[in-house]
Amino acid sequence: MPGEFIGGNLSAQDAGQKVLDFVNSNVLRGSSTASLIDTIEENGIYKVMFQVEGQNAEWRVSKDGKFVFPQAIDLTQTEEPAQEESTTVGSFSVSADEVCLENGKPIVYFFGSASCPHCQWEKPVIEQVMAKFEGLISFHENIDSENDSDVFSKYSSGGVQH
């Protein structure tokens, strides 16, 4: 029976469906649809593999279905990042450059495209966070814009698909 607990835990199939339901309802919100690839038990939690518009993603979910983890960080990796290009959690670059300020406030840049499904679900999250820091930061939203392209080129190793 769907949603049935096995020893207090969801089955792998039900856990995978729960993650898909969350992603489709709360992240994609009708802009696209995630489809399940597979769900496996790994290190005491479920790893849910799914696809959105040809892009594969892996999220983790607790076996009881109460907690979802969009990103997993492997704490067993001991390799140190190269000194000249060290990174922090989230792969942010560590730099000796001065902090970017505007009117005495740190600048937060958001680059994206209205046609990118990842940007579509990230944008409302970023906007909520930025609202909490209103008046304390300067926020530069660059959706389908060439504004701040010099900053993007200097600090990003990724890309924005238009």
N, C-alpha and C. Protein backbone atom coordinates (compact mmCIF):
# COMPACT_ATOMS: atom_id res chain seq x y z
N MET A 1 0.85 -1.18 0.00
CA MET A 1 0.00 0.00 0.00
C MET A 1 0.90 1.25 0.00
N PRO A 2 0.68 2.23 -0.92
CA PRO A 2 1.50 3.44 -0.96
C PRO A 2 1.45 4.19 0.36
N GLY A 3 2.59 4.77 0.74
CA GLY A 3 2.68 5.53 1.97
C GLY A 3 2.84 4.66 3.20
N GLU A 4 2.87 3.35 3.00
CA GLU A 4 2.97 2.44 4.14
C GLU A 4 4.39 2.47 4.70
N PHE A 5 4.49 2.48 6.01
CA PHE A 5 5.78 2.47 6.67
C PHE A 5 6.25 1.04 6.85
N ILE A 6 7.54 0.83 6.65
CA ILE A 6 8.15 -0.47 6.88
C ILE A 6 9.06 -0.31 8.09
N GLY A 7 8.66 -0.85 9.22
CA GLY A 7 9.45 -0.71 10.44
C GLY A 7 9.65 0.74 10.82
N GLY A 8 8.65 1.61 10.59
CA GLY A 8 8.76 3.03 10.90
C GLY A 8 9.35 3.85 9.78
N ASN A 9 9.74 3.21 8.69
CA ASN A 9 10.34 3.91 7.56
C ASN A 9 9.51 3.74 6.31
N LEU A 10 9.63 4.69 5.41
CA LEU A 10 8.99 4.57 4.10
C LEU A 10 9.74 3.55 3.26
N SER A 11 9.05 2.92 2.32
CA SER A 11 9.76 2.09 1.35
C SER A 11 10.55 3.01 0.44
N ALA A 12 11.53 2.46 -0.26
CA ALA A 12 12.33 3.26 -1.19
C ALA A 12 11.43 3.90 -2.24
N GLN A 13 10.48 3.15 -2.75
CA GLN A 13 9.57 3.67 -3.78
C GLN A 13 8.75 4.85 -3.24
N ASP A 14 8.21 4.72 -2.03
CA ASP A 14 7.41 5.80 -1.44
C ASP A 14 8.27 7.01 -1.11
N ALA A 15 9.50 6.79 -0.65
CA ALA A 15 10.40 7.91 -0.36
C ALA A 15 10.72 8.67 -1.64
N GLY A 16 11.01 7.93 -2.71
CA GLY A 16 11.28 8.58 -3.99
C GLY A 16 10.09 9.40 -4.47
N GLN A 17 8.90 8.84 -4.33
CA GLN A 17 7.69 9.57 -4.75
C GLN A 17 7.47 10.81 -3.89
N LYS A 18 7.79 10.71 -2.60
CA LYS A 18 7.63 11.86 -1.71
C LYS A 18 8.55 13.00 -2.13
N VAL A 19 9.79 12.68 -2.50
CA VAL A 19 10.73 13.71 -2.97
C VAL A 19 10.21 14.32 -4.27
N LEU A 20 9.76 13.47 -5.21
CA LEU A 20 9.22 13.99 -6.48
C LEU A 20 8.03 14.91 -6.24
N ASP A 21 7.13 14.51 -5.37
CA ASP A 21 5.97 15.34 -5.07
C ASP A 21 6.41 16.69 -4.51
N PHE A 22 7.40 16.68 -3.63
CA PHE A 22 7.91 17.93 -3.05
C PHE A 22 8.53 18.80 -4.13
N VAL A 23 9.40 18.23 -4.96
CA VAL A 23 10.07 18.99 -6.01
C VAL A 23 9.04 19.58 -6.98
N ASN A 24 8.11 18.76 -7.42
CA ASN A 24 7.11 19.24 -8.39
C ASN A 24 6.19 20.31 -7.80
N SER A 25 5.78 20.14 -6.55
CA SER A 25 4.84 21.08 -5.93
C SER A 25 5.50 22.35 -5.40
N ASN A 26 6.69 22.22 -4.80
CA ASN A 26 7.29 23.34 -4.09
C ASN A 26 8.48 23.98 -4.78
N VAL A 27 9.10 23.26 -5.68
CA VAL A 27 10.27 23.80 -6.36
C VAL A 27 9.93 24.20 -7.79
N LEU A 28 9.43 23.26 -8.56
CA LEU A 28 9.14 23.53 -9.97
C LEU A 28 7.81 24.26 -10.17
N ARG A 29 6.85 24.01 -9.31
CA ARG A 29 5.56 24.70 -9.31
C ARG A 29 4.91 24.80 -10.69
N GLY A 30 4.92 23.69 -11.42
CA GLY A 30 4.26 23.65 -12.72
C GLY A 30 5.10 24.13 -13.89
N SER A 31 6.29 24.69 -13.63
CA SER A 31 7.13 25.16 -14.73
C SER A 31 7.75 24.00 -15.49
N SER A 32 7.83 22.86 -14.85
CA SER A 32 8.38 21.65 -15.43
C SER A 32 7.94 20.49 -14.53
N THR A 33 8.31 19.27 -14.91
CA THR A 33 7.95 18.12 -14.09
C THR A 33 9.16 17.23 -13.90
N ALA A 34 9.43 16.86 -12.67
CA ALA A 34 10.51 15.93 -12.36
C ALA A 34 10.00 14.51 -12.53
N SER A 35 10.86 13.63 -13.05
CA SER A 35 10.50 12.22 -13.18
C SER A 35 11.55 11.36 -12.47
N LEU A 36 11.08 10.32 -11.81
CA LEU A 36 11.94 9.47 -11.01
C LEU A 36 12.80 8.56 -11.89
N ILE A 37 14.07 8.48 -11.57
CA ILE A 37 14.98 7.54 -12.23
C ILE A 37 15.11 6.30 -11.36
N ASP A 38 15.46 6.51 -10.07
CA ASP A 38 15.64 5.38 -9.16
C ASP A 38 15.77 5.91 -7.73
N THR A 39 15.51 5.06 -6.77
CA THR A 39 15.72 5.36 -5.36
C THR A 39 16.44 4.17 -4.75
N ILE A 40 17.57 4.44 -4.07
CA ILE A 40 18.33 3.36 -3.43
C ILE A 40 18.66 3.76 -1.99
N GLU A 41 18.84 2.75 -1.15
CA GLU A 41 19.28 2.99 0.22
C GLU A 41 20.79 3.15 0.19
N GLU A 42 21.28 4.20 0.83
CA GLU A 42 22.72 4.46 0.84
C GLU A 42 23.09 5.12 2.17
N ASN A 43 23.93 4.49 2.93
CA ASN A 43 24.42 5.04 4.19
C ASN A 43 23.30 5.43 5.16
N GLY A 44 22.26 4.62 5.24
CA GLY A 44 21.20 4.84 6.20
C GLY A 44 20.12 5.83 5.77
N ILE A 45 20.22 6.35 4.54
CA ILE A 45 19.18 7.23 3.99
C ILE A 45 18.90 6.79 2.56
N TYR A 46 17.87 7.37 1.97
CA TYR A 46 17.58 7.06 0.58
C TYR A 46 18.20 8.11 -0.34
N LYS A 47 18.81 7.64 -1.42
CA LYS A 47 19.29 8.52 -2.48
C LYS A 47 18.26 8.45 -3.60
N VAL A 48 17.66 9.59 -3.90
CA VAL A 48 16.61 9.67 -4.92
C VAL A 48 17.21 10.34 -6.15
N MET A 49 17.21 9.61 -7.25
CA MET A 49 17.74 10.14 -8.51
C MET A 49 16.55 10.45 -9.42
N PHE A 50 16.51 11.69 -9.91
CA PHE A 50 15.41 12.10 -10.77
C PHE A 50 15.92 13.01 -11.87
N GLN A 51 15.03 13.30 -12.81
CA GLN A 51 15.41 14.09 -13.97
C GLN A 51 14.41 15.22 -14.17
N VAL A 52 14.93 16.41 -14.54
CA VAL A 52 14.10 17.56 -14.87
C VAL A 52 14.64 18.12 -16.17
N GLU A 53 13.83 18.10 -17.21
CA GLU A 53 14.20 18.62 -18.53
C GLU A 53 15.58 18.14 -18.98
N GLY A 54 15.81 16.84 -18.88
CA GLY A 54 17.05 16.25 -19.34
C GLY A 54 18.23 16.39 -18.39
N GLN A 55 18.05 17.09 -17.27
CA GLN A 55 19.11 17.27 -16.27
C GLN A 55 18.88 16.28 -15.14
N ASN A 56 19.91 15.50 -14.80
CA ASN A 56 19.82 14.55 -13.69
C ASN A 56 20.12 15.24 -12.38
N ALA A 57 19.43 14.82 -11.34
CA ALA A 57 19.65 15.37 -10.00
C ALA A 57 19.61 14.22 -9.00
N GLU A 58 20.30 14.40 -7.88
CA GLU A 58 20.28 13.44 -6.78
C GLU A 58 20.01 14.20 -5.50
N TRP A 59 18.96 13.82 -4.81
CA TRP A 59 18.66 14.36 -3.49
C TRP A 59 18.63 13.19 -2.52
N ARG A 60 18.80 13.48 -1.25
CA ARG A 60 18.69 12.46 -0.22
C ARG A 60 17.46 12.76 0.62
N VAL A 61 16.87 11.71 1.20
CA VAL A 61 15.71 11.86 2.07
C VAL A 61 15.86 10.86 3.22
N SER A 62 15.47 11.30 4.41
CA SER A 62 15.52 10.40 5.56
C SER A 62 14.54 9.26 5.33
N LYS A 63 14.83 8.12 5.92
CA LYS A 63 13.99 6.94 5.70
C LYS A 63 12.57 7.12 6.22
N ASP A 64 12.39 7.99 7.20
CA ASP A 64 11.03 8.24 7.68
C ASP A 64 10.30 9.27 6.84
N GLY A 65 11.00 9.86 5.86
CA GLY A 65 10.38 10.82 4.95
C GLY A 65 10.20 12.21 5.51
N LYS A 66 10.80 12.50 6.66
CA LYS A 66 10.61 13.80 7.29
C LYS A 66 11.58 14.86 6.80
N PHE A 67 12.76 14.46 6.34
CA PHE A 67 13.79 15.43 5.97
C PHE A 67 14.31 15.15 4.56
N VAL A 68 14.49 16.21 3.78
CA VAL A 68 15.05 16.08 2.44
C VAL A 68 16.34 16.90 2.39
N PHE A 69 17.32 16.39 1.67
CA PHE A 69 18.63 17.01 1.57
C PHE A 69 18.97 17.21 0.09
N PRO A 70 18.76 18.43 -0.43
CA PRO A 70 19.04 18.66 -1.85
C PRO A 70 20.52 18.53 -2.22
N GLN A 71 21.41 18.69 -1.25
CA GLN A 71 22.83 18.58 -1.53
C GLN A 71 23.48 17.72 -0.45
N ALA A 72 24.34 16.81 -0.88
CA ALA A 72 25.08 15.98 0.07
C ALA A 72 26.56 16.37 -0.01
N ILE A 73 27.18 16.52 1.13
CA ILE A 73 28.59 16.83 1.19
C ILE A 73 29.29 15.64 1.84
N ASP A 74 30.23 15.05 1.14
CA ASP A 74 30.94 13.88 1.64
C ASP A 74 32.04 14.32 2.59
N LEU A 75 31.82 14.10 3.88
CA LEU A 75 32.79 14.53 4.89
C LEU A 75 34.00 13.62 4.98
N THR A 76 33.97 12.49 4.28
CA THR A 76 35.10 11.57 4.31
C THR A 76 36.19 11.95 3.33
N GLN A 77 35.91 12.87 2.43
CA GLN A 77 36.93 13.30 1.48
C GLN A 77 37.96 14.15 2.21
N THR A 78 39.20 13.76 2.12
CA THR A 78 40.26 14.45 2.85
C THR A 78 41.14 15.29 1.96
N GLU A 79 40.90 15.24 0.66
CA GLU A 79 41.74 16.00 -0.26
C GLU A 79 41.55 17.50 -0.03
N GLU A 80 42.64 18.21 0.17
CA GLU A 80 42.60 19.64 0.39
C GLU A 80 42.53 20.35 -0.96
N PRO A 81 41.70 21.40 -1.08
CA PRO A 81 41.70 22.16 -2.32
C PRO A 81 43.05 22.85 -2.53
N ALA A 82 43.38 23.07 -3.77
CA ALA A 82 44.64 23.75 -4.10
C ALA A 82 44.66 25.12 -3.43
N GLN A 83 45.79 25.52 -2.94
CA GLN A 83 45.92 26.77 -2.20
C GLN A 83 45.49 27.99 -3.01
N GLU A 84 45.91 28.02 -4.30
CA GLU A 84 45.59 29.20 -5.10
C GLU A 84 44.12 29.25 -5.52
N GLU A 85 43.40 28.15 -5.44
CA GLU A 85 41.99 28.14 -5.81
C GLU A 85 41.17 27.40 -4.75
N SER A 86 41.29 27.78 -3.49
CA SER A 86 40.55 27.07 -2.46
C SER A 86 39.07 27.46 -2.52
N THR A 87 38.23 26.54 -2.06
CA THR A 87 36.79 26.77 -2.07
C THR A 87 36.21 26.47 -0.71
N THR A 88 34.99 26.94 -0.50
CA THR A 88 34.26 26.68 0.72
C THR A 88 33.10 25.75 0.41
N VAL A 89 32.29 25.44 1.43
CA VAL A 89 31.09 24.65 1.22
C VAL A 89 30.24 25.36 0.18
N GLY A 90 29.71 24.61 -0.77
CA GLY A 90 28.94 25.20 -1.85
C GLY A 90 29.81 25.58 -3.03
N SER A 91 31.10 25.26 -2.95
CA SER A 91 32.06 25.54 -4.03
C SER A 91 32.25 27.03 -4.29
N PHE A 92 32.07 27.87 -3.27
CA PHE A 92 32.37 29.28 -3.42
C PHE A 92 33.88 29.48 -3.37
N SER A 93 34.40 30.34 -4.22
CA SER A 93 35.84 30.59 -4.28
C SER A 93 36.26 31.48 -3.11
N VAL A 94 37.43 31.18 -2.56
CA VAL A 94 38.03 32.01 -1.54
C VAL A 94 39.01 32.92 -2.26
N SER A 95 38.93 34.20 -2.00
CA SER A 95 39.74 35.16 -2.73
C SER A 95 40.32 36.19 -1.78
N ALA A 96 41.47 36.73 -2.16
CA ALA A 96 42.07 37.81 -1.39
C ALA A 96 41.55 39.16 -1.85
N ASP A 97 40.66 39.18 -2.86
CA ASP A 97 40.08 40.42 -3.34
C ASP A 97 39.29 41.11 -2.24
N GLU A 98 39.18 42.44 -2.35
CA GLU A 98 38.38 43.19 -1.40
C GLU A 98 36.92 42.79 -1.54
N VAL A 99 36.19 42.89 -0.43
CA VAL A 99 34.76 42.61 -0.48
C VAL A 99 34.10 43.67 -1.35
N CYS A 100 33.21 43.24 -2.22
CA CYS A 100 32.50 44.18 -3.10
C CYS A 100 31.45 44.92 -2.28
N LEU A 101 31.55 46.22 -2.29
CA LEU A 101 30.62 47.04 -1.53
C LEU A 101 29.92 48.03 -2.45
N GLU A 102 28.70 48.37 -2.08
CA GLU A 102 27.95 49.41 -2.77
C GLU A 102 27.25 50.22 -1.68
N ASN A 103 27.56 51.49 -1.60
CA ASN A 103 27.01 52.35 -0.54
C ASN A 103 27.29 51.77 0.84
N GLY A 104 28.48 51.18 1.01
CA GLY A 104 28.89 50.63 2.29
C GLY A 104 28.27 49.28 2.63
N LYS A 105 27.52 48.68 1.70
CA LYS A 105 26.86 47.39 1.95
C LYS A 105 27.45 46.33 1.03
N PRO A 106 27.58 45.08 1.52
CA PRO A 106 28.05 44.00 0.64
C PRO A 106 27.04 43.76 -0.49
N ILE A 107 27.58 43.42 -1.67
CA ILE A 107 26.73 43.16 -2.83
C ILE A 107 26.54 41.65 -2.98
N VAL A 108 25.29 41.24 -3.22
CA VAL A 108 24.95 39.86 -3.55
C VAL A 108 24.44 39.87 -4.99
N TYR A 109 25.08 39.06 -5.82
CA TYR A 109 24.71 38.97 -7.23
C TYR A 109 23.94 37.68 -7.48
N PHE A 110 22.86 37.76 -8.27
CA PHE A 110 22.14 36.58 -8.71
C PHE A 110 22.04 36.64 -10.23
N PHE A 111 22.65 35.65 -10.89
CA PHE A 111 22.64 35.57 -12.34
C PHE A 111 21.78 34.39 -12.74
N GLY A 112 20.93 34.58 -13.74
CA GLY A 112 20.09 33.50 -14.19
C GLY A 112 19.35 33.83 -15.46
N SER A 113 18.50 32.90 -15.86
CA SER A 113 17.69 33.06 -17.06
C SER A 113 16.26 32.62 -16.76
N ALA A 114 15.31 33.33 -17.32
CA ALA A 114 13.90 32.99 -17.13
C ALA A 114 13.56 31.63 -17.74
N SER A 115 14.37 31.16 -18.69
CA SER A 115 14.10 29.88 -19.34
C SER A 115 14.79 28.70 -18.64
N CYS A 116 15.58 28.96 -17.63
CA CYS A 116 16.32 27.92 -16.92
C CYS A 116 15.47 27.37 -15.77
N PRO A 117 15.18 26.05 -15.76
CA PRO A 117 14.35 25.51 -14.67
C PRO A 117 15.01 25.64 -13.30
N HIS A 118 16.33 25.56 -13.25
CA HIS A 118 17.03 25.69 -11.96
C HIS A 118 16.88 27.13 -11.44
N CYS A 119 17.05 28.09 -12.33
CA CYS A 119 16.92 29.49 -11.94
C CYS A 119 15.50 29.80 -11.49
N GLN A 120 14.51 29.17 -12.13
CA GLN A 120 13.12 29.41 -11.78
C GLN A 120 12.81 29.01 -10.35
N TRP A 121 13.39 27.89 -9.87
CA TRP A 121 13.10 27.52 -8.48
C TRP A 121 14.07 28.19 -7.51
N GLU A 122 15.25 28.61 -7.97
CA GLU A 122 16.18 29.31 -7.09
C GLU A 122 15.74 30.74 -6.82
N LYS A 123 15.16 31.40 -7.83
CA LYS A 123 14.83 32.82 -7.73
C LYS A 123 13.95 33.15 -6.53
N PRO A 124 12.82 32.44 -6.30
CA PRO A 124 12.01 32.80 -5.12
C PRO A 124 12.73 32.56 -3.79
N VAL A 125 13.60 31.56 -3.76
CA VAL A 125 14.37 31.30 -2.54
C VAL A 125 15.33 32.46 -2.28
N ILE A 126 16.06 32.86 -3.32
CA ILE A 126 16.99 33.99 -3.20
C ILE A 126 16.24 35.26 -2.78
N GLU A 127 15.09 35.50 -3.40
CA GLU A 127 14.31 36.70 -3.07
C GLU A 127 13.87 36.70 -1.60
N GLN A 128 13.48 35.53 -1.07
CA GLN A 128 13.10 35.45 0.34
C GLN A 128 14.28 35.76 1.25
N VAL A 129 15.44 35.20 0.92
CA VAL A 129 16.64 35.45 1.72
C VAL A 129 17.02 36.92 1.65
N MET A 130 16.99 37.48 0.45
CA MET A 130 17.37 38.88 0.27
C MET A 130 16.41 39.80 1.03
N ALA A 131 15.14 39.45 1.09
CA ALA A 131 14.15 40.26 1.83
C ALA A 131 14.50 40.31 3.32
N LYS A 132 15.03 39.21 3.84
CA LYS A 132 15.40 39.17 5.26
C LYS A 132 16.59 40.09 5.57
N PHE A 133 17.40 40.38 4.53
CA PHE A 133 18.57 41.23 4.72
C PHE A 133 18.39 42.61 4.09
N GLU A 134 17.15 42.96 3.76
CA GLU A 134 16.87 44.26 3.14
C GLU A 134 17.42 45.38 4.01
N GLY A 135 18.09 46.30 3.36
CA GLY A 135 18.70 47.42 4.07
C GLY A 135 20.11 47.13 4.55
N LEU A 136 20.50 45.84 4.58
CA LEU A 136 21.83 45.47 5.04
C LEU A 136 22.76 45.08 3.89
N ILE A 137 22.17 44.77 2.75
CA ILE A 137 22.95 44.36 1.58
C ILE A 137 22.44 45.09 0.36
N SER A 138 23.22 45.01 -0.70
CA SER A 138 22.80 45.50 -2.01
C SER A 138 22.63 44.27 -2.90
N PHE A 139 21.44 44.10 -3.46
CA PHE A 139 21.13 42.90 -4.25
C PHE A 139 21.06 43.26 -5.73
N HIS A 140 21.85 42.54 -6.53
CA HIS A 140 21.85 42.73 -7.98
C HIS A 140 21.27 41.48 -8.63
N GLU A 141 20.03 41.58 -9.11
CA GLU A 141 19.39 40.46 -9.79
C GLU A 141 19.60 40.63 -11.29
N ASN A 142 20.23 39.64 -11.89
CA ASN A 142 20.56 39.70 -13.32
C ASN A 142 19.92 38.52 -14.04
N ILE A 143 18.63 38.61 -14.31
CA ILE A 143 17.92 37.58 -15.05
C ILE A 143 17.91 38.00 -16.52
N ASP A 144 18.50 37.17 -17.38
CA ASP A 144 18.59 37.46 -18.81
C ASP A 144 19.15 38.86 -19.07
N SER A 145 20.17 39.21 -18.30
CA SER A 145 20.75 40.54 -18.38
C SER A 145 22.26 40.44 -18.53
N GLU A 146 22.83 41.38 -19.24
CA GLU A 146 24.28 41.45 -19.37
C GLU A 146 24.89 42.33 -18.28
N ASN A 147 24.05 42.92 -17.42
CA ASN A 147 24.56 43.74 -16.33
C ASN A 147 25.48 42.91 -15.46
N ASP A 148 26.52 43.51 -14.95
CA ASP A 148 27.47 42.87 -14.05
C ASP A 148 28.18 41.68 -14.69
N SER A 149 28.24 41.64 -16.03
CA SER A 149 28.89 40.51 -16.71
C SER A 149 30.37 40.42 -16.37
N ASP A 150 31.00 41.55 -16.05
CA ASP A 150 32.41 41.51 -15.66
C ASP A 150 32.59 40.75 -14.35
N VAL A 151 31.66 40.92 -13.42
CA VAL A 151 31.71 40.21 -12.14
C VAL A 151 31.47 38.72 -12.38
N PHE A 152 30.46 38.41 -13.20
CA PHE A 152 30.16 37.01 -13.53
C PHE A 152 31.38 36.33 -14.14
N SER A 153 32.01 36.97 -15.10
CA SER A 153 33.17 36.39 -15.78
C SER A 153 34.34 36.18 -14.83
N LYS A 154 34.54 37.12 -13.91
CA LYS A 154 35.69 37.04 -13.01
C LYS A 154 35.52 35.96 -11.94
N TYR A 155 34.30 35.79 -11.42
CA TYR A 155 34.12 34.92 -10.25
C TYR A 155 33.38 33.62 -10.52
N SER A 156 32.85 33.42 -11.70
CA SER A 156 32.08 32.22 -11.96
C SER A 156 32.80 31.27 -12.88
N SER A 157 32.69 29.99 -12.58
CA SER A 157 33.21 28.97 -13.50
C SER A 157 32.06 28.28 -14.19
N GLY A 158 30.82 28.69 -13.87
CA GLY A 158 29.62 28.09 -14.46
C GLY A 158 29.10 28.91 -15.61
N GLY A 159 27.86 28.68 -15.94
CA GLY A 159 27.25 29.40 -17.04
C GLY A 159 25.77 29.57 -16.80
N VAL A 160 25.21 30.52 -17.48
CA VAL A 160 23.77 30.74 -17.45
C VAL A 160 23.26 30.44 -18.84
N GLN A 161 22.31 29.50 -18.92
CA GLN A 161 21.74 29.15 -20.22
C GLN A 161 20.56 30.04 -20.52
N HIS A 162 20.59 30.67 -21.65
CA HIS A 162 19.48 31.55 -22.08
C HIS A 162 18.58 30.79 -23.02
